[in-house]
Protein backbone atom coordinates (compact mmCIF):
# COMPACT_ATOMS: atom_id res chain seq x y z
CA UNK A 1 104.38 87.83 113.40
CA UNK A 2 102.18 87.64 116.47
CA UNK A 3 99.64 85.45 114.66
CA UNK A 4 102.47 83.12 113.70
CA UNK A 5 103.36 82.83 117.38
CA UNK A 6 99.77 82.16 118.36
CA UNK A 7 99.33 79.59 115.60
CA UNK A 8 102.48 77.74 116.66
CA UNK A 9 101.20 77.60 120.25
CA UNK A 10 97.87 76.22 119.02
CA UNK A 11 99.74 73.59 117.02
CA UNK A 12 101.82 72.71 120.09
CA UNK A 13 98.58 72.05 122.00
CA UNK A 14 97.36 69.70 119.29
CA UNK A 15 95.26 72.12 117.26
CA UNK A 16 95.26 72.60 113.50
CA UNK A 17 95.74 76.32 112.78
CA UNK A 18 95.31 77.86 109.32
CA UNK A 19 96.71 81.31 108.54
CA UNK A 20 94.68 83.56 106.23
CA UNK A 21 96.26 86.65 104.68
CA UNK A 22 96.66 88.84 101.62
CA UNK A 23 99.26 87.69 99.08
CA UNK A 24 102.66 89.04 100.09
CA UNK A 25 106.06 87.62 99.21
CA UNK A 26 107.65 88.44 102.59
CA UNK A 27 104.75 86.95 104.52
CA UNK A 28 104.74 83.87 102.29
CA UNK A 29 108.42 83.32 103.08
CA UNK A 30 107.89 83.65 106.86
CA UNK A 31 104.90 81.32 106.83
CA UNK A 32 106.75 78.76 104.68
CA UNK A 33 109.59 78.74 107.21
CA UNK A 34 107.11 78.04 110.00
CA UNK A 35 105.64 75.05 108.17
CA UNK A 36 102.09 76.25 108.86
CA UNK A 37 99.37 76.10 106.18
CA UNK A 38 98.22 79.39 104.68
CA UNK A 39 95.46 80.58 102.34
CA UNK A 40 95.45 83.82 100.34
CA UNK A 41 92.19 85.78 100.30
CA UNK A 42 91.16 89.37 99.37
CA UNK A 43 90.87 90.52 102.98
CA UNK A 44 89.89 94.10 102.16
CA UNK A 45 87.03 93.25 99.80
CA UNK A 46 83.81 93.22 101.81
CA UNK A 47 81.25 92.23 99.19
CA UNK A 48 82.77 89.13 97.63
CA UNK A 49 81.71 86.67 100.31
CA UNK A 50 85.21 85.25 100.46
CA UNK A 51 84.63 84.11 104.06
CA UNK A 52 81.98 81.57 103.04
CA UNK A 53 83.99 80.38 100.05
CA UNK A 54 87.06 79.86 102.24
CA UNK A 55 85.14 78.02 104.95
CA UNK A 56 83.46 75.78 102.38
CA UNK A 57 86.88 74.93 100.94
CA UNK A 58 88.80 74.17 104.13
CA UNK A 59 86.21 72.16 106.01
CA UNK A 60 85.04 72.47 109.64
CA UNK A 61 86.28 75.54 111.49
CA UNK A 62 85.11 76.34 115.02
CA UNK A 63 87.25 79.33 116.04
CA UNK A 64 88.34 82.42 114.08
CA UNK A 65 90.86 85.06 115.22
CA UNK A 66 91.00 88.47 113.53
CA UNK A 67 94.20 90.51 113.96
CA UNK A 68 93.21 93.27 111.55
CA UNK A 69 92.98 96.40 113.75
CA UNK A 70 89.60 97.37 112.24
CA UNK A 71 87.35 94.35 111.72
CA UNK A 72 84.15 95.33 109.90
CA UNK A 73 80.75 94.46 111.31
CA UNK A 74 79.79 92.79 108.03
CA UNK A 75 82.80 90.50 108.16
CA UNK A 76 82.19 89.61 111.81
CA UNK A 77 78.52 88.91 111.17
CA UNK A 78 79.38 86.69 108.21
CA UNK A 79 81.54 84.57 110.52
CA UNK A 80 78.99 84.50 113.33
CA UNK A 81 76.30 83.44 110.86
CA UNK A 82 78.37 80.33 110.18
CA UNK A 83 78.43 79.50 113.89
CA UNK A 84 82.08 80.44 114.48
CA UNK A 85 83.46 81.61 117.83
CA UNK A 86 85.19 84.93 117.08
CA UNK A 87 88.19 86.57 118.75
CA UNK A 88 89.56 89.98 117.80
CA UNK A 89 92.90 91.55 118.77
CA UNK A 90 93.52 95.27 119.45
CA UNK A 91 90.51 96.03 117.27
CA UNK A 92 88.98 99.45 116.69
CA UNK A 93 86.40 98.27 114.13
CA UNK A 94 82.68 97.79 114.65
CA UNK A 95 83.21 94.05 114.24
CA UNK A 96 84.83 93.96 117.69
CA UNK A 97 81.34 94.42 119.14
CA UNK A 98 80.38 91.04 117.66
CA UNK A 99 83.37 89.19 119.12
CA UNK A 100 83.20 86.51 121.78
CA UNK A 101 86.65 87.53 123.00
CA UNK A 102 88.45 90.82 122.46
CA UNK A 103 92.14 90.75 123.37
CA UNK A 104 93.68 94.18 123.99
CA UNK A 105 97.33 93.59 124.87
CA UNK A 106 98.88 96.69 123.28
CA UNK A 107 96.60 99.70 123.66
CA UNK A 108 93.28 100.80 125.13
CA UNK A 109 92.55 104.34 123.99
CA UNK A 110 92.44 103.36 120.31
CA UNK A 111 90.49 100.14 120.79
CA UNK A 112 86.75 99.66 120.74
CA UNK A 113 86.38 98.17 124.22
CA UNK A 114 83.63 95.82 123.19
CA UNK A 115 83.01 92.12 122.97
CA UNK A 116 81.41 89.44 125.14
CA UNK A 117 84.69 89.02 127.04
CA UNK A 118 87.63 91.43 127.17
CA UNK A 119 91.18 90.58 128.25
CA UNK A 120 93.40 93.64 128.44
CA UNK A 121 97.02 94.19 129.38
CA UNK A 122 100.60 93.36 128.48
CA UNK A 123 100.23 89.88 129.98
CA UNK A 124 98.07 88.86 127.00
CA UNK A 125 100.59 89.93 124.35
CA UNK A 126 101.86 87.24 121.96
CA UNK A 127 105.51 87.56 122.88
CA UNK A 128 108.21 85.03 121.89
CA UNK A 129 108.35 83.78 125.46
CA UNK A 130 111.09 81.14 125.13
CA UNK A 131 113.41 83.59 123.36
CA UNK A 132 112.80 86.32 125.95
CA UNK A 133 113.42 83.97 128.88
CA UNK A 134 116.65 82.74 127.24
CA UNK A 135 117.81 86.32 126.68
CA UNK A 136 116.95 87.23 130.28
CA UNK A 137 119.09 84.34 131.49
CA UNK A 138 122.18 85.91 129.94
CA UNK A 139 124.06 88.54 132.00
CA UNK A 140 123.02 92.07 131.07
CA UNK A 141 125.84 94.01 129.35
CA UNK A 142 127.52 96.66 131.45
CA UNK A 143 125.96 100.00 130.53
CA UNK A 144 128.16 101.90 128.14
CA UNK A 145 128.92 105.62 128.26
CA UNK A 146 127.24 106.89 126.20
CA UNK A 147 124.58 104.12 126.32
CA UNK A 148 124.58 101.71 123.39
CA UNK A 149 121.62 102.06 121.02
CA UNK A 150 119.76 99.52 118.91
CA UNK A 151 117.22 100.81 116.38
CA UNK A 152 114.34 98.70 115.04
CA UNK A 153 111.36 100.56 113.62
CA UNK A 154 109.14 97.64 112.67
CA UNK A 155 108.88 95.12 109.91
CA UNK A 156 108.37 97.67 107.14
CA UNK A 157 108.84 101.25 108.51
CA UNK A 158 106.41 102.48 105.85
CA UNK A 159 106.90 106.15 106.77
CA UNK A 160 110.70 106.12 106.68
CA UNK A 161 111.01 107.04 110.35
CA UNK A 162 114.57 105.71 110.32
CA UNK A 163 115.68 108.76 108.33
CA UNK A 164 114.52 111.26 110.98
CA UNK A 165 115.93 109.12 113.78
CA UNK A 166 119.36 108.88 112.15
CA UNK A 167 119.47 112.61 111.45
CA UNK A 168 118.87 113.37 115.15
CA UNK A 169 121.42 110.72 116.09
CA UNK A 170 124.05 112.30 113.88
CA UNK A 171 123.29 115.74 115.31
CA UNK A 172 124.34 114.36 118.71
CA UNK A 173 127.47 112.70 117.29
CA UNK A 174 126.14 109.29 118.32
CA UNK A 175 126.23 105.91 116.64
CA UNK A 176 123.87 102.96 116.67
CA UNK A 177 123.17 99.48 115.34
CA UNK A 178 120.13 99.32 113.03
CA UNK A 179 117.95 96.30 112.30
CA UNK A 180 115.83 96.77 109.19
CA UNK A 181 112.64 94.72 109.04
CA UNK A 182 112.04 92.03 106.43
CA UNK A 183 109.52 94.21 104.56
CA UNK A 184 111.59 97.43 104.57
CA UNK A 185 111.40 99.04 101.13
CA UNK A 186 113.43 102.23 101.64
CA UNK A 187 116.93 100.96 100.91
CA UNK A 188 117.66 103.68 98.32
CA UNK A 189 116.59 106.51 100.65
CA UNK A 190 118.75 105.31 103.53
CA UNK A 191 121.96 104.69 101.60
CA UNK A 192 123.40 108.18 102.13
CA UNK A 193 123.15 107.80 105.91
CA UNK A 194 124.78 104.39 105.93
CA UNK A 195 128.17 105.66 104.80
CA UNK A 196 128.66 107.00 108.34
CA UNK A 197 130.97 104.50 110.10
CA UNK A 198 129.05 104.93 113.38
CA UNK A 199 126.03 103.15 111.87
CA UNK A 200 125.98 99.37 111.46
CA UNK A 201 123.03 97.75 109.69
CA UNK A 202 121.64 94.23 109.72
CA UNK A 203 118.44 92.82 108.27
CA UNK A 204 116.24 89.91 109.37
CA UNK A 205 118.20 88.78 112.41
CA UNK A 206 117.45 85.20 113.61
CA UNK A 207 116.00 86.51 116.89
CA UNK A 208 115.01 90.14 117.35
CA UNK A 209 114.77 89.85 121.13
CA UNK A 210 118.31 88.43 121.37
CA UNK A 211 119.49 91.28 119.15
CA UNK A 212 117.67 93.86 121.29
CA UNK A 213 119.07 92.40 124.51
CA UNK A 214 122.60 93.53 123.59
CA UNK A 215 121.81 97.26 123.97
CA UNK A 216 121.15 99.76 126.74
CA UNK A 217 118.32 101.51 124.85
CA UNK A 218 116.17 100.47 121.88
CA UNK A 219 114.58 103.00 119.54
CA UNK A 220 111.50 101.18 118.26
CA UNK A 221 108.11 101.59 116.67
CA UNK A 222 105.04 101.46 118.88
CA UNK A 223 104.03 97.88 118.18
CA UNK A 224 105.31 94.52 119.35
CA UNK A 225 108.98 95.47 119.02
CA UNK A 226 108.58 98.08 121.79
CA UNK A 227 107.07 95.53 124.15
CA UNK A 228 109.67 92.90 123.21
CA UNK A 229 112.46 95.37 123.97
CA UNK A 230 110.94 96.21 127.34
CA UNK A 231 110.41 92.55 128.23
CA UNK A 232 113.99 91.61 127.45
CA UNK A 233 115.28 94.45 129.64
CA UNK A 234 116.21 97.04 126.99
CA UNK A 235 114.02 100.10 127.66
CA UNK A 236 112.37 101.32 124.44
CA UNK A 237 112.33 104.89 123.16
CA UNK A 238 109.24 104.79 120.97
CA UNK A 239 108.43 106.42 117.64
CA UNK A 240 104.74 105.88 116.84
CA UNK A 241 104.50 104.97 113.16
CA UNK A 242 100.70 104.64 113.21
CA UNK A 243 98.00 106.49 115.20
CA UNK A 244 97.06 103.44 117.26
CA UNK A 245 100.67 103.07 118.41
CA UNK A 246 100.55 106.34 120.36
CA UNK A 247 98.50 104.79 123.17
CA UNK A 248 100.86 101.83 123.42
CA UNK A 249 103.82 104.20 123.74
CA UNK A 250 102.09 106.33 126.35
CA UNK A 251 101.12 103.30 128.42
CA UNK A 252 104.69 102.00 128.35
CA UNK A 253 105.91 105.40 129.54
CA UNK A 254 103.25 105.69 132.26
CA UNK A 255 104.24 102.31 133.65
CA UNK A 256 107.93 103.19 133.68
CA UNK A 257 108.88 100.71 130.96
CA UNK A 258 109.94 103.10 128.20
CA UNK A 259 109.81 106.63 126.82
CA UNK A 260 107.44 107.99 124.17
CA UNK A 261 109.53 110.10 121.79
CA UNK A 262 106.83 111.22 119.33
CA UNK A 263 105.20 110.33 116.02
CA UNK A 264 106.93 109.75 112.70
CA UNK A 265 105.36 112.95 111.39
CA UNK A 266 106.41 115.19 114.27
CA UNK A 267 109.53 113.86 115.92
CA UNK A 268 110.88 116.27 118.59
CA UNK A 269 114.55 116.85 119.25
CA UNK A 270 116.75 114.23 120.90
CA UNK A 271 114.92 112.50 123.80
CA UNK A 272 117.27 112.96 126.77
CA UNK A 273 114.80 111.20 129.09
CA UNK A 274 115.20 107.95 127.14
CA UNK A 275 118.75 107.60 128.46
CA UNK A 276 117.96 108.23 132.12
CA UNK A 277 116.99 105.78 134.89
CA UNK A 278 117.81 102.81 132.64
CA UNK A 279 118.47 100.16 135.34
CA UNK A 280 115.06 100.69 136.98
CA UNK A 281 113.18 100.54 133.68
CA UNK A 282 115.15 97.48 132.63
CA UNK A 283 114.20 95.68 135.87
CA UNK A 284 110.51 96.55 135.44
CA UNK A 285 110.52 95.25 131.88
CA UNK A 286 112.18 91.97 132.78
CA UNK A 287 109.34 91.31 135.23
CA UNK A 288 106.68 91.28 132.48
CA UNK A 289 104.81 88.04 131.81
CA UNK A 290 105.70 86.43 128.50
CA UNK A 291 103.26 83.51 128.27
CA UNK A 292 100.34 85.37 126.70
CA UNK A 293 100.36 83.39 123.45
CA UNK A 294 100.29 80.06 125.31
CA UNK A 295 97.42 81.13 127.58
CA UNK A 296 95.35 82.53 124.69
CA UNK A 297 96.01 79.37 122.68
CA UNK A 298 94.64 77.39 125.60
CA UNK A 299 91.45 79.48 125.61
CA UNK A 300 91.00 78.99 121.86
CA UNK A 301 91.55 75.25 122.12
CA UNK A 302 88.86 75.02 124.82
CA UNK A 303 86.41 76.89 122.58
CA UNK A 304 87.23 74.67 119.61
CA UNK A 305 86.14 71.48 121.37
């Protein structure tokens, strides 16, 4: 999703972005809706030389952006050998050391802080800026008692964190609205919980940030959804679904923007702290910059000339 946002900003500035990804029906649908061109490649195969074959097929390319979390050195060197300017995003792989620009908007402890130039911090995140600003312009809902809860645990929730979260919710006799991501595959496992009338479920809402803005607290994964919730003024209570998300969650907590609840594998009991001091955390979140995608797109366009 964040590469879609970046690509659309590049297109807005007059560039010609091409998305490259593994075959995936959900991704294909999202990309088709955006109208952006896309190529399927075997991203995880290191010895096929797919980079050269792709570049030969698509014509001149000057800038390449990897959002893969662990770019390999071999892959990065294959791109550099073709004369490409390389950017990596939140990357813990050895390939980050070969990058011309390493963007670290979401976490630092898990990243390889390497690259010719490093830009770190929330202000470089690829947030849906227009949607967040529009949501901020609406009056905040009056805080409910108990606080209203929205739950969004990422596009796929591969570890089924929603099950543990709902069990702890039920133990406190609380209800919530749940937004399942477009790639969520656990419908059969969640059905038994959904008979509870206190739980209302939607899937693939038109705007996640507008959906998040309706609640007092958001229980999220530790990726972009946590930062989006914070930025729209709904303090996140974060369940880290992947190891690299722990640092994001801790940084959000340290800066007063959210609360780190725990990991999907070891979720503690109900996080009372997540429901305290909400107005202050909401105000801090609404002060975050949301133009990271536009500014990064501008940098990439300069390097492409």
